[in-house]
Amino acid sequence: MIAKCANPACPVRFHYRLGGKFFRFHAEIDSENESGCSTAHISSHNVQHFWLCACCCHLFTLVYVEGRGVMLKPLEAEIPTIDSPKYFVAA
């Protein structure tokens, strides 16, 4: 269940009337194959839901970064950056 905005710096608690933007990502599940090596696969039953409040969704988006998970990414159109895009861990 979504409790608050996925931006860890934002204190806005989820309420469907506040607007914002919803995101859905399939979670990777680690498992071991026959040779004992760990592999990651995507389960159709393991979906993670995130929400950015009305203010944050104009400044950020959520992206999946392999090996790191769901990350908060500034929108370049709204926030000009000098160097490469910065990512933050989503709540």
N, C-alpha and C. Protein backbone atom coordinates (compact mmCIF):
# COMPACT_ATOMS: atom_id res chain seq x y z
N MET A 1 0.84 -1.18 0.00
CA MET A 1 0.00 0.00 0.00
C MET A 1 0.88 1.25 0.00
N ILE A 2 0.48 2.24 -0.73
CA ILE A 2 1.24 3.48 -0.82
C ILE A 2 0.89 4.35 0.38
N ALA A 3 1.90 4.78 1.13
CA ALA A 3 1.68 5.60 2.32
C ALA A 3 2.00 7.06 2.09
N LYS A 4 3.04 7.34 1.27
CA LYS A 4 3.46 8.72 1.05
C LYS A 4 4.12 8.85 -0.31
N CYS A 5 4.47 10.07 -0.64
CA CYS A 5 5.18 10.38 -1.88
C CYS A 5 6.48 9.58 -1.93
N ALA A 6 6.85 9.09 -3.11
CA ALA A 6 8.06 8.30 -3.29
C ALA A 6 9.33 9.14 -3.14
N ASN A 7 9.21 10.45 -3.16
CA ASN A 7 10.36 11.32 -2.92
C ASN A 7 10.65 11.30 -1.42
N PRO A 8 11.80 10.75 -0.99
CA PRO A 8 12.07 10.64 0.44
C PRO A 8 12.13 11.99 1.16
N ALA A 9 12.39 13.08 0.43
CA ALA A 9 12.46 14.40 1.04
C ALA A 9 11.09 15.07 1.15
N CYS A 10 10.07 14.44 0.59
CA CYS A 10 8.73 15.02 0.59
C CYS A 10 7.87 14.37 1.67
N PRO A 11 7.24 15.17 2.53
CA PRO A 11 6.44 14.60 3.62
C PRO A 11 4.98 14.33 3.26
N VAL A 12 4.56 14.59 2.02
CA VAL A 12 3.15 14.49 1.65
C VAL A 12 2.68 13.03 1.73
N ARG A 13 1.64 12.82 2.52
CA ARG A 13 1.05 11.49 2.68
C ARG A 13 0.06 11.27 1.53
N PHE A 14 -0.07 10.01 1.12
CA PHE A 14 -0.94 9.66 -0.01
C PHE A 14 -2.41 9.91 0.33
N HIS A 15 -3.08 10.57 -0.61
CA HIS A 15 -4.53 10.71 -0.57
C HIS A 15 -4.96 10.83 -2.04
N TYR A 16 -5.89 9.98 -2.45
CA TYR A 16 -6.23 9.90 -3.87
C TYR A 16 -6.71 11.22 -4.46
N ARG A 17 -7.23 12.13 -3.64
CA ARG A 17 -7.73 13.41 -4.15
C ARG A 17 -6.63 14.44 -4.36
N LEU A 18 -5.42 14.15 -3.94
CA LEU A 18 -4.33 15.12 -4.07
C LEU A 18 -3.71 15.13 -5.46
N GLY A 19 -4.09 14.21 -6.31
CA GLY A 19 -3.50 14.15 -7.64
C GLY A 19 -2.14 13.49 -7.60
N GLY A 20 -1.30 13.86 -8.52
CA GLY A 20 0.03 13.26 -8.59
C GLY A 20 0.09 12.23 -9.70
N LYS A 21 1.10 11.37 -9.63
CA LYS A 21 1.31 10.38 -10.68
C LYS A 21 1.67 9.04 -10.06
N PHE A 22 1.05 7.98 -10.57
CA PHE A 22 1.30 6.62 -10.10
C PHE A 22 2.29 5.92 -11.02
N PHE A 23 3.10 5.04 -10.42
CA PHE A 23 4.07 4.24 -11.17
C PHE A 23 3.93 2.79 -10.73
N ARG A 24 4.14 1.89 -11.66
CA ARG A 24 4.10 0.46 -11.36
C ARG A 24 5.34 -0.19 -11.98
N PHE A 25 6.07 -0.93 -11.16
CA PHE A 25 7.27 -1.62 -11.62
C PHE A 25 7.18 -3.08 -11.21
N HIS A 26 7.63 -3.97 -12.09
CA HIS A 26 7.74 -5.38 -11.75
C HIS A 26 9.01 -5.56 -10.95
N ALA A 27 8.91 -6.18 -9.80
CA ALA A 27 10.07 -6.40 -8.94
C ALA A 27 10.86 -7.61 -9.41
N GLU A 28 12.19 -7.52 -9.30
CA GLU A 28 13.03 -8.67 -9.61
C GLU A 28 13.06 -9.58 -8.40
N ILE A 29 13.06 -10.87 -8.66
CA ILE A 29 13.14 -11.85 -7.59
C ILE A 29 14.40 -12.66 -7.81
N ASP A 30 15.26 -12.71 -6.80
CA ASP A 30 16.48 -13.50 -6.90
C ASP A 30 16.15 -14.96 -6.64
N SER A 31 16.73 -15.82 -7.45
CA SER A 31 16.57 -17.26 -7.24
C SER A 31 17.87 -17.94 -7.68
N GLU A 32 18.01 -19.20 -7.33
CA GLU A 32 19.20 -19.94 -7.74
C GLU A 32 18.82 -20.94 -8.82
N ASN A 33 19.66 -21.01 -9.87
CA ASN A 33 19.39 -21.99 -10.91
C ASN A 33 20.04 -23.32 -10.52
N GLU A 34 19.99 -24.30 -11.40
CA GLU A 34 20.49 -25.64 -11.08
C GLU A 34 21.97 -25.66 -10.75
N SER A 35 22.75 -24.75 -11.30
CA SER A 35 24.19 -24.73 -11.04
C SER A 35 24.52 -23.99 -9.74
N GLY A 36 23.51 -23.47 -9.05
CA GLY A 36 23.74 -22.77 -7.78
C GLY A 36 24.01 -21.29 -7.95
N CYS A 37 23.97 -20.79 -9.19
CA CYS A 37 24.20 -19.38 -9.44
C CYS A 37 22.91 -18.60 -9.20
N SER A 38 23.05 -17.45 -8.61
CA SER A 38 21.89 -16.59 -8.34
C SER A 38 21.48 -15.89 -9.63
N THR A 39 20.21 -15.93 -9.93
CA THR A 39 19.69 -15.23 -11.10
C THR A 39 18.51 -14.38 -10.67
N ALA A 40 18.25 -13.34 -11.42
CA ALA A 40 17.10 -12.48 -11.14
C ALA A 40 16.08 -12.67 -12.25
N HIS A 41 14.83 -12.83 -11.89
CA HIS A 41 13.79 -12.90 -12.89
C HIS A 41 12.62 -12.03 -12.44
N ILE A 42 11.74 -11.74 -13.36
CA ILE A 42 10.62 -10.87 -13.06
C ILE A 42 9.37 -11.72 -12.92
N SER A 43 8.67 -11.53 -11.83
CA SER A 43 7.44 -12.26 -11.58
C SER A 43 6.26 -11.36 -11.93
N SER A 44 5.29 -11.93 -12.64
CA SER A 44 4.11 -11.14 -12.99
C SER A 44 3.23 -10.87 -11.77
N HIS A 45 3.49 -11.58 -10.68
CA HIS A 45 2.69 -11.40 -9.47
C HIS A 45 3.36 -10.48 -8.46
N ASN A 46 4.58 -10.06 -8.72
CA ASN A 46 5.31 -9.23 -7.77
C ASN A 46 5.48 -7.84 -8.36
N VAL A 47 4.49 -6.98 -8.15
CA VAL A 47 4.48 -5.64 -8.70
C VAL A 47 4.60 -4.64 -7.56
N GLN A 48 5.45 -3.64 -7.74
CA GLN A 48 5.59 -2.58 -6.75
C GLN A 48 4.91 -1.32 -7.28
N HIS A 49 4.19 -0.63 -6.41
CA HIS A 49 3.50 0.60 -6.78
C HIS A 49 4.13 1.78 -6.04
N PHE A 50 4.26 2.89 -6.75
CA PHE A 50 4.81 4.11 -6.19
C PHE A 50 3.93 5.27 -6.61
N TRP A 51 4.02 6.37 -5.88
CA TRP A 51 3.24 7.57 -6.17
C TRP A 51 4.10 8.79 -5.92
N LEU A 52 4.10 9.73 -6.85
CA LEU A 52 4.70 11.04 -6.65
C LEU A 52 3.58 12.04 -6.51
N CYS A 53 3.64 12.89 -5.49
CA CYS A 53 2.59 13.88 -5.25
C CYS A 53 2.55 14.88 -6.40
N ALA A 54 1.51 15.73 -6.41
CA ALA A 54 1.31 16.68 -7.50
C ALA A 54 2.50 17.62 -7.69
N CYS A 55 3.14 18.02 -6.62
CA CYS A 55 4.32 18.91 -6.74
C CYS A 55 5.53 18.14 -7.25
N CYS A 56 5.83 17.00 -6.66
CA CYS A 56 7.03 16.23 -7.02
C CYS A 56 6.97 15.67 -8.44
N CYS A 57 5.78 15.33 -8.94
CA CYS A 57 5.70 14.74 -10.28
C CYS A 57 6.04 15.75 -11.37
N HIS A 58 6.05 17.04 -11.04
CA HIS A 58 6.46 18.06 -12.02
C HIS A 58 7.97 18.26 -12.01
N LEU A 59 8.64 17.75 -10.98
CA LEU A 59 10.08 17.91 -10.85
C LEU A 59 10.86 16.61 -11.05
N PHE A 60 10.20 15.46 -10.78
CA PHE A 60 10.87 14.17 -10.81
C PHE A 60 10.05 13.13 -11.55
N THR A 61 10.71 12.05 -11.92
CA THR A 61 10.06 10.85 -12.39
C THR A 61 10.71 9.67 -11.67
N LEU A 62 10.13 8.50 -11.79
CA LEU A 62 10.71 7.29 -11.22
C LEU A 62 11.17 6.41 -12.36
N VAL A 63 12.36 5.85 -12.22
CA VAL A 63 12.92 4.96 -13.23
C VAL A 63 13.46 3.72 -12.55
N TYR A 64 13.54 2.63 -13.30
CA TYR A 64 14.14 1.42 -12.78
C TYR A 64 15.59 1.35 -13.26
N VAL A 65 16.53 1.22 -12.33
CA VAL A 65 17.94 1.09 -12.65
C VAL A 65 18.36 -0.32 -12.26
N GLU A 66 18.80 -1.11 -13.24
CA GLU A 66 19.17 -2.50 -12.98
C GLU A 66 20.25 -2.58 -11.91
N GLY A 67 20.03 -3.46 -10.97
CA GLY A 67 20.96 -3.64 -9.87
C GLY A 67 20.76 -2.69 -8.71
N ARG A 68 19.97 -1.64 -8.90
CA ARG A 68 19.74 -0.66 -7.85
C ARG A 68 18.27 -0.55 -7.47
N GLY A 69 17.38 -0.84 -8.42
CA GLY A 69 15.95 -0.78 -8.14
C GLY A 69 15.32 0.51 -8.64
N VAL A 70 14.22 0.89 -8.03
CA VAL A 70 13.47 2.07 -8.44
C VAL A 70 14.15 3.31 -7.86
N MET A 71 14.42 4.27 -8.73
CA MET A 71 15.15 5.47 -8.33
C MET A 71 14.37 6.72 -8.75
N LEU A 72 14.55 7.76 -7.98
CA LEU A 72 13.96 9.07 -8.26
C LEU A 72 14.92 9.82 -9.18
N LYS A 73 14.42 10.33 -10.31
CA LYS A 73 15.28 11.01 -11.28
C LYS A 73 14.70 12.39 -11.57
N PRO A 74 15.53 13.44 -11.46
CA PRO A 74 15.05 14.79 -11.81
C PRO A 74 14.68 14.85 -13.30
N LEU A 75 13.66 15.61 -13.60
CA LEU A 75 13.29 15.84 -15.00
C LEU A 75 14.20 16.94 -15.54
N GLU A 76 14.96 16.66 -16.56
CA GLU A 76 15.90 17.63 -17.10
C GLU A 76 15.21 18.89 -17.60
N ALA A 77 13.99 18.74 -18.12
CA ALA A 77 13.27 19.90 -18.64
C ALA A 77 12.93 20.89 -17.53
N GLU A 78 12.74 20.38 -16.32
CA GLU A 78 12.38 21.24 -15.19
C GLU A 78 13.59 21.69 -14.38
N ILE A 79 14.58 20.80 -14.25
CA ILE A 79 15.75 21.09 -13.42
C ILE A 79 16.99 20.92 -14.29
N PRO A 80 17.57 22.02 -14.79
CA PRO A 80 18.77 21.87 -15.60
C PRO A 80 19.93 21.39 -14.74
N THR A 81 20.68 20.43 -15.28
CA THR A 81 21.84 19.91 -14.56
C THR A 81 23.08 20.09 -15.42
N ILE A 82 24.20 20.30 -14.78
CA ILE A 82 25.46 20.51 -15.48
C ILE A 82 26.07 19.17 -15.87
N ASP A 83 26.10 18.23 -14.91
CA ASP A 83 26.70 16.92 -15.19
C ASP A 83 25.62 15.87 -15.40
N SER A 84 25.99 14.63 -15.35
CA SER A 84 25.07 13.52 -15.63
C SER A 84 23.87 13.53 -14.69
N PRO A 85 22.75 12.89 -15.10
CA PRO A 85 21.57 12.85 -14.25
C PRO A 85 21.87 12.24 -12.88
N LYS A 86 21.26 12.80 -11.88
CA LYS A 86 21.45 12.30 -10.52
C LYS A 86 20.25 11.45 -10.15
N TYR A 87 20.51 10.38 -9.44
CA TYR A 87 19.45 9.49 -9.01
C TYR A 87 19.39 9.46 -7.49
N PHE A 88 18.19 9.29 -6.96
CA PHE A 88 17.97 9.20 -5.54
C PHE A 88 17.13 7.96 -5.28
N VAL A 89 17.31 7.31 -4.17
CA VAL A 89 16.53 6.12 -3.84
C VAL A 89 15.10 6.55 -3.55
N ALA A 90 14.13 5.88 -4.20
CA ALA A 90 12.72 6.17 -3.96
C ALA A 90 12.29 5.55 -2.64
N ALA A 91 11.38 6.22 -1.96
CA ALA A 91 10.91 5.74 -0.66
C ALA A 91 10.05 4.50 -0.82
